[in-house]
Amino acid sequence: MNDSNLYRVYDDKLDLLYEARVKLNQKSKDSKLNTLIDKSRLFLNIENLKCYRIEPVL
């Protein structure tokens, strides 16, 4: 059983920008992860893995 979630944030070309593991009982995520998630869109969510992508500027 997994006791943490893995977050990955990719840029608009799908290059990995940031990766963080957050324990399930942890009160908050780190501030850099929160900032990147706010700028991103979730595109993959499988069990304990969540992947976000920063939207490309058109």
Protein backbone atom coordinates (compact mmCIF):
# COMPACT_ATOMS: atom_id res chain seq x y z
CA MET A 1 0.00 0.00 0.00
CA ASN A 2 1.28 3.42 -0.97
CA ASP A 3 1.37 6.19 1.63
CA SER A 4 2.17 9.07 -0.75
CA ASN A 5 1.17 10.69 -4.03
CA LEU A 6 3.62 11.45 -6.79
CA TYR A 7 3.10 14.71 -8.69
CA ARG A 8 4.79 15.47 -11.98
CA VAL A 9 4.54 18.77 -13.81
CA TYR A 10 5.49 19.03 -17.47
CA ASP A 11 5.99 22.03 -19.71
CA ASP A 12 4.01 22.56 -22.91
CA LYS A 13 6.44 20.28 -24.81
CA LEU A 14 5.96 17.54 -22.17
CA ASP A 15 9.45 17.92 -20.72
CA LEU A 16 9.45 17.18 -17.00
CA LEU A 17 9.74 20.44 -15.02
CA TYR A 18 9.15 19.30 -11.47
CA GLU A 19 8.46 16.15 -9.49
CA ALA A 20 7.35 15.88 -5.87
CA ARG A 21 6.20 13.10 -3.58
CA VAL A 22 3.62 14.16 -0.99
CA LYS A 23 2.69 11.93 1.94
CA LEU A 24 -1.06 11.33 2.28
CA ASN A 25 -1.17 12.72 5.83
CA GLN A 26 0.94 15.77 4.95
CA LYS A 27 -1.02 18.96 5.61
CA SER A 28 0.09 20.87 2.51
CA LYS A 29 2.10 20.50 -0.65
CA ASP A 30 5.27 22.50 -1.17
CA SER A 31 4.80 26.05 -2.47
CA LYS A 32 6.56 25.47 -5.82
CA LEU A 33 4.29 22.51 -6.53
CA ASN A 34 1.20 24.58 -5.64
CA THR A 35 2.32 27.39 -7.97
CA LEU A 36 2.94 25.00 -10.86
CA ILE A 37 -0.37 23.17 -10.35
CA ASP A 38 -2.20 26.51 -10.44
CA LYS A 39 -0.68 27.17 -13.90
CA SER A 40 -1.29 23.64 -15.17
CA ARG A 41 -3.98 21.21 -16.20
CA LEU A 42 -4.28 17.64 -14.94
CA PHE A 43 -3.86 15.21 -17.84
CA LEU A 44 -3.14 11.89 -16.13
CA ASN A 45 -4.37 10.52 -12.81
CA ILE A 46 -3.62 6.85 -12.13
CA GLU A 47 -3.77 5.59 -8.55
CA ASN A 48 -1.10 7.62 -6.72
CA LEU A 49 0.37 9.35 -9.82
CA LYS A 50 -0.91 12.75 -10.92
CA CYS A 51 0.57 14.43 -14.00
CA TYR A 52 -0.02 18.08 -14.88
CA ARG A 53 0.85 19.97 -18.04
CA ILE A 54 1.42 23.69 -18.35
CA GLU A 55 -0.87 24.86 -21.14
CA PRO A 56 0.91 26.03 -24.29
CA VAL A 57 0.52 29.69 -25.18
CA LEU A 58 -1.25 30.00 -28.53
